PDB file of N, CA and C in Angstrom:
ATOM      1  N   MET A   1     -40.760   9.467   6.072  1.00  0.00           N
ATOM      2  CA  MET A   1     -40.218  10.360   6.536  1.00  0.00           C
ATOM      3  C   MET A   1     -39.586  11.663   5.675  1.00  0.00           C
ATOM      4  N   LYS A   2     -39.584  12.874   6.288  1.00  0.00           N
ATOM      5  CA  LYS A   2     -39.277  13.973   5.725  1.00  0.00           C
ATOM      6  C   LYS A   2     -37.896  14.323   5.561  1.00  0.00           C
ATOM      7  N   LYS A   3     -37.222  14.533   4.825  1.00  0.00           N
ATOM      8  CA  LYS A   3     -35.632  14.368   4.536  1.00  0.00           C
ATOM      9  C   LYS A   3     -35.296  15.812   5.170  1.00  0.00           C
ATOM     10  N   PRO A   4     -34.134  15.824   5.950  1.00  0.00           N
ATOM     11  CA  PRO A   4     -33.353  16.862   6.315  1.00  0.00           C
ATOM     12  C   PRO A   4     -33.042  17.802   5.511  1.00  0.00           C
ATOM     13  N   LYS A   5     -33.164  19.527   5.928  1.00  0.00           N
ATOM     14  CA  LYS A   5     -32.589  19.997   4.869  1.00  0.00           C
ATOM     15  C   LYS A   5     -31.374  20.144   3.907  1.00  0.00           C
ATOM     16  N   TYR A   6     -30.440  19.664   5.052  1.00  0.00           N
ATOM     17  CA  TYR A   6     -28.848  19.396   4.723  1.00  0.00           C
ATOM     18  C   TYR A   6     -28.695  18.166   3.602  1.00  0.00           C
ATOM     19  N   VAL A   7     -29.696  17.184   3.383  1.00  0.00           N
ATOM     20  CA  VAL A   7     -29.970  16.172   2.488  1.00  0.00           C
ATOM     21  C   VAL A   7     -30.364  16.748   1.456  1.00  0.00           C
ATOM     22  N   LEU A   8     -31.323  17.726   1.603  1.00  0.00           N
ATOM     23  CA  LEU A   8     -31.978  18.221   0.275  1.00  0.00           C
ATOM     24  C   LEU A   8     -30.820  19.357  -0.404  1.00  0.00           C
ATOM     25  N   LYS A   9     -30.256  19.894   0.364  1.00  0.00           N
ATOM     26  CA  LYS A   9     -28.974  20.835   0.127  1.00  0.00           C
ATOM     27  C   LYS A   9     -28.154  20.082  -0.511  1.00  0.00           C
ATOM     28  N   PHE A  10     -27.632  18.878  -0.253  1.00  0.00           N
ATOM     29  CA  PHE A  10     -26.919  18.049  -1.048  1.00  0.00           C
ATOM     30  C   PHE A  10     -27.035  17.438  -2.341  1.00  0.00           C
ATOM     31  N   GLU A  11     -28.422  16.815  -2.568  1.00  0.00           N
ATOM     32  CA  GLU A  11     -28.899  16.629  -3.368  1.00  0.00           C
ATOM     33  C   GLU A  11     -29.110  17.702  -4.822  1.00  0.00           C
ATOM     34  N   ARG A  12     -29.405  18.933  -4.230  1.00  0.00           N
ATOM     35  CA  ARG A  12     -29.261  20.219  -5.340  1.00  0.00           C
ATOM     36  C   ARG A  12     -27.758  20.584  -5.808  1.00  0.00           C
ATOM     37  N   GLY A  13     -26.839  19.977  -4.657  1.00  0.00           N
ATOM     38  CA  GLY A  13     -25.605  20.041  -5.244  1.00  0.00           C
ATOM     39  C   GLY A  13     -25.073  21.526  -4.270  1.00  0.00           C
ATOM     40  N   ASP A  14     -25.717  21.778  -3.624  1.00  0.00           N
ATOM     41  CA  ASP A  14     -25.407  23.261  -3.052  1.00  0.00           C
ATOM     42  C   ASP A  14     -24.279  22.855  -2.247  1.00  0.00           C
ATOM     43  N   LYS A  15     -23.364  23.842  -1.657  1.00  0.00           N
ATOM     44  CA  LYS A  15     -22.263  23.742  -0.556  1.00  0.00           C
ATOM     45  C   LYS A  15     -22.964  23.624   0.682  1.00  0.00           C
ATOM     46  N   LEU A  16     -21.990  22.539   1.285  1.00  0.00           N
ATOM     47  CA  LEU A  16     -22.474  21.989   2.637  1.00  0.00           C
ATOM     48  C   LEU A  16     -21.482  22.512   3.744  1.00  0.00           C
ATOM     49  N   THR A  17     -21.773  22.804   4.775  1.00  0.00           N
ATOM     50  CA  THR A  17     -20.974  22.924   6.002  1.00  0.00           C
ATOM     51  C   THR A  17     -20.284  21.634   6.622  1.00  0.00           C
ATOM     52  N   PHE A  18     -19.216  21.657   7.046  1.00  0.00           N
ATOM     53  CA  PHE A  18     -18.728  20.425   7.685  1.00  0.00           C
ATOM     54  C   PHE A  18     -19.680  19.624   8.566  1.00  0.00           C
ATOM     55  N   LYS A  19     -20.485  20.261   9.385  1.00  0.00           N
ATOM     56  CA  LYS A  19     -21.453  19.581  10.199  1.00  0.00           C
ATOM     57  C   LYS A  19     -22.195  19.007   9.390  1.00  0.00           C
ATOM     58  N   GLN A  20     -23.130  19.784   8.478  1.00  0.00           N
ATOM     59  CA  GLN A  20     -23.780  19.360   7.444  1.00  0.00           C
ATOM     60  C   GLN A  20     -23.424  18.085   6.619  1.00  0.00           C
ATOM     61  N   ALA A  21     -22.082  17.986   6.326  1.00  0.00           N
ATOM     62  CA  ALA A  21     -21.715  16.956   5.377  1.00  0.00           C
ATOM     63  C   ALA A  21     -21.515  15.753   6.497  1.00  0.00           C
ATOM     64  N   ILE A  22     -21.176  16.128   7.324  1.00  0.00           N
ATOM     65  CA  ILE A  22     -21.120  14.743   8.425  1.00  0.00           C
ATOM     66  C   ILE A  22     -22.427  14.349   8.907  1.00  0.00           C
ATOM     67  N   LEU A  23     -23.607  15.130   9.175  1.00  0.00           N
ATOM     68  CA  LEU A  23     -24.620  14.567   9.116  1.00  0.00           C
ATOM     69  C   LEU A  23     -25.496  13.657   8.134  1.00  0.00           C
ATOM     70  N   ASN A  24     -25.042  14.366   6.962  1.00  0.00           N
ATOM     71  CA  ASN A  24     -25.527  13.835   5.658  1.00  0.00           C
ATOM     72  C   ASN A  24     -24.938  12.470   5.644  1.00  0.00           C
ATOM     73  N   LYS A  25     -23.918  12.344   5.855  1.00  0.00           N
ATOM     74  CA  LYS A  25     -23.038  10.861   5.769  1.00  0.00           C
ATOM     75  C   LYS A  25     -23.593   9.720   6.851  1.00  0.00           C
ATOM     76  N   CYS A  26     -24.221  10.274   7.969  1.00  0.00           N
ATOM     77  CA  CYS A  26     -24.956   9.580   8.862  1.00  0.00           C
ATOM     78  C   CYS A  26     -26.210   9.266   8.417  1.00  0.00           C
ATOM     79  N   PHE A  27     -26.853  10.314   8.175  1.00  0.00           N
ATOM     80  CA  PHE A  27     -28.233   9.715   7.194  1.00  0.00           C
ATOM     81  C   PHE A  27     -28.151   8.861   6.144  1.00  0.00           C
ATOM     82  N   ASP A  28     -27.027   9.012   5.196  1.00  0.00           N
ATOM     83  CA  ASP A  28     -26.894   7.967   4.538  1.00  0.00           C
ATOM     84  C   ASP A  28     -26.629   6.514   5.038  1.00  0.00           C
ATOM     85  N   CYS A  29     -25.411   6.622   5.410  1.00  0.00           N
ATOM     86  CA  CYS A  29     -25.111   5.168   6.317  1.00  0.00           C
ATOM     87  C   CYS A  29     -26.078   4.706   7.034  1.00  0.00           C
ATOM     88  N   MET A  30     -27.043   5.402   7.615  1.00  0.00           N
ATOM     89  CA  MET A  30     -28.131   5.035   8.591  1.00  0.00           C
ATOM     90  C   MET A  30     -29.439   4.564   7.778  1.00  0.00           C
ATOM     91  N   GLY A  31     -29.250   4.443   6.204  1.00  0.00           N
ATOM     92  CA  GLY A  31     -30.567   4.181   5.392  1.00  0.00           C
ATOM     93  C   GLY A  31     -31.381   5.202   5.585  1.00  0.00           C
ATOM     94  N   ASN A  32     -31.147   6.401   6.017  1.00  0.00           N
ATOM     95  CA  ASN A  32     -32.025   7.496   5.910  1.00  0.00           C
ATOM     96  C   ASN A  32     -33.061   7.454   6.968  1.00  0.00           C
ATOM     97  N   TYR A  33     -32.497   6.795   8.199  1.00  0.00           N
ATOM     98  CA  TYR A  33     -33.041   6.624   9.368  1.00  0.00           C
ATOM     99  C   TYR A  33     -34.488   5.942   9.299  1.00  0.00           C
ATOM    100  N   ALA A  34     -34.417   4.932   8.286  1.00  0.00           N
ATOM    101  CA  ALA A  34     -35.558   4.328   7.898  1.00  0.00           C
ATOM    102  C   ALA A  34     -36.231   3.412   8.954  1.00  0.00           C
ATOM    103  N   ASP A  35     -35.389   3.027  10.013  1.00  0.00           N
ATOM    104  CA  ASP A  35     -35.992   2.366  11.389  1.00  0.00           C
ATOM    105  C   ASP A  35     -35.864   3.193  12.323  1.00  0.00           C
ATOM    106  N   GLY A  36     -35.867   4.350  12.309  1.00  0.00           N
ATOM    107  CA  GLY A  36     -36.321   5.580  13.277  1.00  0.00           C
ATOM    108  C   GLY A  36     -34.482   6.297  13.883  1.00  0.00           C
ATOM    109  N   LYS A  37     -34.669   7.421  14.434  1.00  0.00           N
ATOM    110  CA  LYS A  37     -33.431   7.879  14.731  1.00  0.00           C
ATOM    111  C   LYS A  37     -32.829   7.294  16.193  1.00  0.00           C
ATOM    112  N   ARG A  38     -31.690   6.431  15.672  1.00  0.00           N
ATOM    113  CA  ARG A  38     -31.095   5.743  16.855  1.00  0.00           C
ATOM    114  C   ARG A  38     -29.680   5.773  16.578  1.00  0.00           C
ATOM    115  N   ASP A  39     -29.166   5.697  17.664  1.00  0.00           N
ATOM    116  CA  ASP A  39     -27.575   5.331  17.503  1.00  0.00           C
ATOM    117  C   ASP A  39     -27.170   4.242  16.554  1.00  0.00           C
ATOM    118  N   CYS A  40     -26.192   4.316  16.035  1.00  0.00           N
ATOM    119  CA  CYS A  40     -25.868   3.364  14.944  1.00  0.00           C
ATOM    120  C   CYS A  40     -24.867   2.602  15.628  1.00  0.00           C
ATOM    121  N   VAL A  41     -24.170   2.789  16.912  1.00  0.00           N
ATOM    122  CA  VAL A  41     -23.317   1.870  17.532  1.00  0.00           C
ATOM    123  C   VAL A  41     -22.091   1.419  16.824  1.00  0.00           C
ATOM    124  N   MET A  42     -21.637   2.349  15.870  1.00  0.00           N
ATOM    125  CA  MET A  42     -20.448   2.077  15.194  1.00  0.00           C
ATOM    126  C   MET A  42     -19.524   3.008  15.385  1.00  0.00           C
ATOM    127  N   SER A  43     -18.980   2.856  16.958  1.00  0.00           N
ATOM    128  CA  SER A  43     -17.927   3.383  17.504  1.00  0.00           C
ATOM    129  C   SER A  43     -16.730   3.434  16.915  1.00  0.00           C
ATOM    130  N   GLU A  44     -16.612   2.328  15.972  1.00  0.00           N
ATOM    131  CA  GLU A  44     -15.007   2.479  15.230  1.00  0.00           C
ATOM    132  C   GLU A  44     -15.031   3.327  14.216  1.00  0.00           C
ATOM    133  N   CYS A  45     -16.348   4.022  13.741  1.00  0.00           N
ATOM    134  CA  CYS A  45     -16.382   5.149  12.639  1.00  0.00           C
ATOM    135  C   CYS A  45     -15.965   6.353  12.931  1.00  0.00           C
ATOM    136  N   SER A  46     -15.151   7.027  12.239  1.00  0.00           N
ATOM    137  CA  SER A  46     -14.363   8.164  12.378  1.00  0.00           C
ATOM    138  C   SER A  46     -15.209   9.317  12.598  1.00  0.00           C
ATOM    139  N   LEU A  47     -16.377   9.306  12.326  1.00  0.00           N
ATOM    140  CA  LEU A  47     -17.190  10.195  12.276  1.00  0.00           C
ATOM    141  C   LEU A  47     -18.487   9.990  13.651  1.00  0.00           C
ATOM    142  N   TYR A  48     -18.111   8.687  14.148  1.00  0.00           N
ATOM    143  CA  TYR A  48     -19.135   8.468  15.544  1.00  0.00           C
ATOM    144  C   TYR A  48     -19.244   9.429  16.269  1.00  0.00           C
ATOM    145  N   GLN A  49     -18.432  10.134  16.607  1.00  0.00           N
ATOM    146  CA  GLN A  49     -18.408  11.197  17.731  1.00  0.00           C
ATOM    147  C   GLN A  49     -19.055  12.625  17.417  1.00  0.00           C
ATOM    148  N   PHE A  50     -19.472  12.614  16.200  1.00  0.00           N
ATOM    149  CA  PHE A  50     -20.639  13.730  15.512  1.00  0.00           C
ATOM    150  C   PHE A  50     -21.944  12.756  15.221  1.00  0.00           C
ATOM    151  N   MET A  51     -22.085  11.933  15.673  1.00  0.00           N
ATOM    152  CA  MET A  51     -23.480  11.295  14.975  1.00  0.00           C
ATOM    153  C   MET A  51     -24.407  11.847  15.955  1.00  0.00           C
ATOM    154  N   PRO A  52     -25.408  12.208  15.426  1.00  0.00           N
ATOM    155  CA  PRO A  52     -26.555  13.116  16.210  1.00  0.00           C
ATOM    156  C   PRO A  52     -27.263  12.363  17.099  1.00  0.00           C
ATOM    157  N   TYR A  53     -27.498  11.249  16.673  1.00  0.00           N
ATOM    158  CA  TYR A  53     -28.172  10.369  17.799  1.00  0.00           C
ATOM    159  C   TYR A  53     -27.413   9.435  18.324  1.00  0.00           C
ATOM    160  N   GLY A  54     -25.845   9.281  18.540  1.00  0.00           N
ATOM    161  CA  GLY A  54     -25.073   8.689  19.306  1.00  0.00           C
ATOM    162  C   GLY A  54     -25.063   8.796  20.608  1.00  0.00           C
ATOM    163  N   ALA A  55     -24.338   7.647  21.668  1.00  0.00           N
ATOM    164  CA  ALA A  55     -24.388   7.652  22.726  1.00  0.00           C
ATOM    165  C   ALA A  55     -23.663   8.792  23.389  1.00  0.00           C
ATOM    166  N   VAL A  56     -22.351   9.320  22.567  1.00  0.00           N
ATOM    167  CA  VAL A  56     -21.725  10.435  22.715  1.00  0.00           C
ATOM    168  C   VAL A  56     -22.474  11.585  23.125  1.00  0.00           C
ATOM    169  N   TRP A  57     -23.308  11.919  22.541  1.00  0.00           N
ATOM    170  CA  TRP A  57     -24.354  13.162  22.751  1.00  0.00           C
ATOM    171  C   TRP A  57     -25.026  13.043  24.193  1.00  0.00           C
ATOM    172  N   ARG A  58     -25.171  11.705  24.807  1.00  0.00           N
ATOM    173  CA  ARG A  58     -25.825  11.356  26.002  1.00  0.00           C
ATOM    174  C   ARG A  58     -24.624  11.267  26.857  1.00  0.00           C
ATOM    175  N   GLY A  59     -23.471  11.354  26.793  1.00  0.00           N
ATOM    176  CA  GLY A  59     -22.464  11.066  27.662  1.00  0.00           C
ATOM    177  C   GLY A  59     -22.187   9.801  27.982  1.00  0.00           C
ATOM    178  N   ARG A  60     -22.472   9.008  27.596  1.00  0.00           N
ATOM    179  CA  ARG A  60     -22.337   7.302  27.726  1.00  0.00           C
ATOM    180  C   ARG A  60     -21.357   6.317  26.955  1.00  0.00           C
ATOM    181  N   VAL A  61     -20.220   7.411  26.395  1.00  0.00           N
ATOM    182  CA  VAL A  61     -19.106   6.396  25.668  1.00  0.00           C
ATOM    183  C   VAL A  61     -17.700   6.717  26.810  1.00  0.00           C
ATOM    184  N   ARG A  62     -17.344   5.662  26.813  1.00  0.00           N
ATOM    185  CA  ARG A  62     -15.961   5.863  27.843  1.00  0.00           C
ATOM    186  C   ARG A  62     -15.154   6.509  26.787  1.00  0.00           C
ATOM    187  N   GLY A  63     -14.021   7.412  27.353  1.00  0.00           N
ATOM    188  CA  GLY A  63     -13.296   8.296  26.707  1.00  0.00           C
ATOM    189  C   GLY A  63     -13.639   9.659  26.190  1.00  0.00           C
ATOM    190  N   ILE A  64     -14.790  10.121  26.510  1.00  0.00           N
ATOM    191  CA  ILE A  64     -15.270  11.189  26.388  1.00  0.00           C
ATOM    192  C   ILE A  64     -14.265  12.287  26.990  1.00  0.00           C
ATOM    193  N   ARG A  65     -14.047  13.269  26.348  1.00  0.00           N
ATOM    194  CA  ARG A  65     -13.211  14.472  26.909  1.00  0.00           C
ATOM    195  C   ARG A  65     -13.831  15.181  27.956  1.00  0.00           C
ATOM    196  N   PRO A  66     -13.237  15.519  29.203  1.00  0.00           N
ATOM    197  CA  PRO A  66     -13.701  16.081  30.079  1.00  0.00           C
ATOM    198  C   PRO A  66     -14.054  17.621  29.697  1.00  0.00           C
ATOM    199  N   LYS A  67     -14.677  18.383  30.443  1.00  0.00           N
ATOM    200  CA  LYS A  67     -14.894  19.908  30.072  1.00  0.00           C
ATOM    201  C   LYS A  67     -13.570  20.229  30.252  1.00  0.00           C
ATOM    202  N   ASN A  68     -13.400  21.564  29.232  1.00  0.00           N
ATOM    203  CA  ASN A  68     -11.882  22.424  29.369  1.00  0.00           C
ATOM    204  C   ASN A  68     -11.710  22.673  30.826  1.00  0.00           C
ATOM    205  N   SER A  69     -12.878  23.057  31.677  1.00  0.00           N
ATOM    206  CA  SER A  69     -12.306  23.550  33.187  1.00  0.00           C
ATOM    207  C   SER A  69     -11.892  22.705  33.834  1.00  0.00           C
ATOM    208  N   ASP A  70     -12.428  21.268  33.754  1.00  0.00           N
ATOM    209  CA  ASP A  70     -11.997  20.059  34.466  1.00  0.00           C
ATOM    210  C   ASP A  70     -10.262  19.660  33.710  1.00  0.00           C
ATOM    211  N   ARG A  71     -10.143  19.650  32.581  1.00  0.00           N
ATOM    212  CA  ARG A  71      -8.783  19.332  32.007  1.00  0.00           C
ATOM    213  C   ARG A  71      -7.545  20.432  32.805  1.00  0.00           C
ATOM    214  N   MET A  72      -8.305  21.419  32.522  1.00  0.00           N
ATOM    215  CA  MET A  72      -7.290  22.776  32.913  1.00  0.00           C
ATOM    216  C   MET A  72      -6.937  22.209  34.275  1.00  0.00           C
ATOM    217  N   ALA A  73      -8.024  22.241  35.340  1.00  0.00           N
ATOM    218  CA  ALA A  73      -7.511  21.825  36.786  1.00  0.00           C
ATOM    219  C   ALA A  73      -6.609  20.404  36.754  1.00  0.00           C
ATOM    220  N   VAL A  74      -6.731  19.605  36.150  1.00  0.00           N
ATOM    221  CA  VAL A  74      -5.663  18.535  35.958  1.00  0.00           C
ATOM    222  C   VAL A  74      -4.353  18.913  35.683  1.00  0.00           C
ATOM    223  N   LEU A  75      -4.115  19.772  34.528  1.00  0.00           N
ATOM    224  CA  LEU A  75      -3.017  20.214  34.123  1.00  0.00           C
ATOM    225  C   LEU A  75      -2.215  20.971  35.220  1.00  0.00           C
ATOM    226  N   ARG A  76      -3.029  21.929  35.649  1.00  0.00           N
ATOM    227  CA  ARG A  76      -2.370  22.973  36.779  1.00  0.00           C
ATOM    228  C   ARG A  76      -2.003  22.262  37.929  1.00  0.00           C
ATOM    229  N   ALA A  77      -2.681  20.878  38.380  1.00  0.00           N
ATOM    230  CA  ALA A  77      -2.337  20.108  39.699  1.00  0.00           C
ATOM    231  C   ALA A  77      -0.953  19.589  39.028  1.00  0.00           C
ATOM    232  N   LYS A  78      -0.682  18.658  37.815  1.00  0.00           N
ATOM    233  CA  LYS A  78       0.225  18.253  37.497  1.00  0.00           C
ATOM    234  C   LYS A  78       1.556  19.312  37.263  1.00  0.00           C
ATOM    235  N   LYS A  79       1.328  20.357  37.068  1.00  0.00           N
ATOM    236  CA  LYS A  79       2.527  21.329  37.237  1.00  0.00           C
ATOM    237  C   LYS A  79       2.690  22.109  38.395  1.00  0.00           C
ATOM    238  N   GLY A  80       1.886  21.973  39.490  1.00  0.00           N
ATOM    239  CA  GLY A  80       1.923  22.429  40.609  1.00  0.00           C
ATOM    240  C   GLY A  80       1.339  24.040  40.756  1.00  0.00           C
ATOM    241  N   ILE A  81       0.270  24.310  39.695  1.00  0.00           N
ATOM    242  CA  ILE A  81      -0.059  25.659  39.533  1.00  0.00           C
ATOM    243  C   ILE A  81      -1.090  25.815  40.626  1.00  0.00           C
ATOM    244  N   LYS A  82      -1.062  26.887  41.673  1.00  0.00           N
ATOM    245  CA  LYS A  82      -2.514  26.680  42.245  1.00  0.00           C
ATOM    246  C   LYS A  82      -3.526  27.511  41.371  1.00  0.00           C
ATOM    247  N   GLU A  83      -4.779  27.278  42.003  1.00  0.00           N
ATOM    248  CA  GLU A  83      -5.981  27.522  41.180  1.00  0.00           C
ATOM    249  C   GLU A  83      -6.213  29.133  41.468  1.00  0.00           C
ATOM    250  N   GLY A  84      -6.660  29.762  40.095  1.00  0.00           N
ATOM    251  CA  GLY A  84      -6.738  31.219  40.472  1.00  0.00           C
ATOM    252  C   GLY A  84      -5.501  31.940  39.836  1.00  0.00           C
ATOM    253  N   SER A  85      -4.389  31.347  39.642  1.00  0.00           N
ATOM    254  CA  SER A  85      -2.955  31.886  39.181  1.00  0.00           C
ATOM    255  C   SER A  85      -2.785  32.047  37.815  1.00  0.00           C
ATOM    256  N   GLN A  86      -2.263  32.943  37.175  1.00  0.00           N
ATOM    257  CA  GLN A  86      -1.766  32.706  35.927  1.00  0.00           C
ATOM    258  C   GLN A  86      -0.542  32.156  35.780  1.00  0.00           C
ATOM    259  N   GLY A  87      -0.383  31.376  34.236  1.00  0.00           N
ATOM    260  CA  GLY A  87       1.069  30.966  34.048  1.00  0.00           C
ATOM    261  C   GLY A  87       1.007  29.332  34.069  1.00  0.00           C
TER     262      GLY A  87
END
């Protein structure tokens, strides 16, 4: 398997973005994806929500935060604010 660009960047000592650093950690933790690109199923890991092949990306993990519009609707309903009004 060919190494991703962010892994090669890390190996050269180049600066990584936060996302690249997280992806690199998953690559390392999963043994370079030797068994294939699959969900690590380590939901207790603090980086699991960013795991590129995790169930979070497919919307199958409980506790996923709803879309902003859905959260705003809930907050407005709790405060008694009518839809479409400001404040």
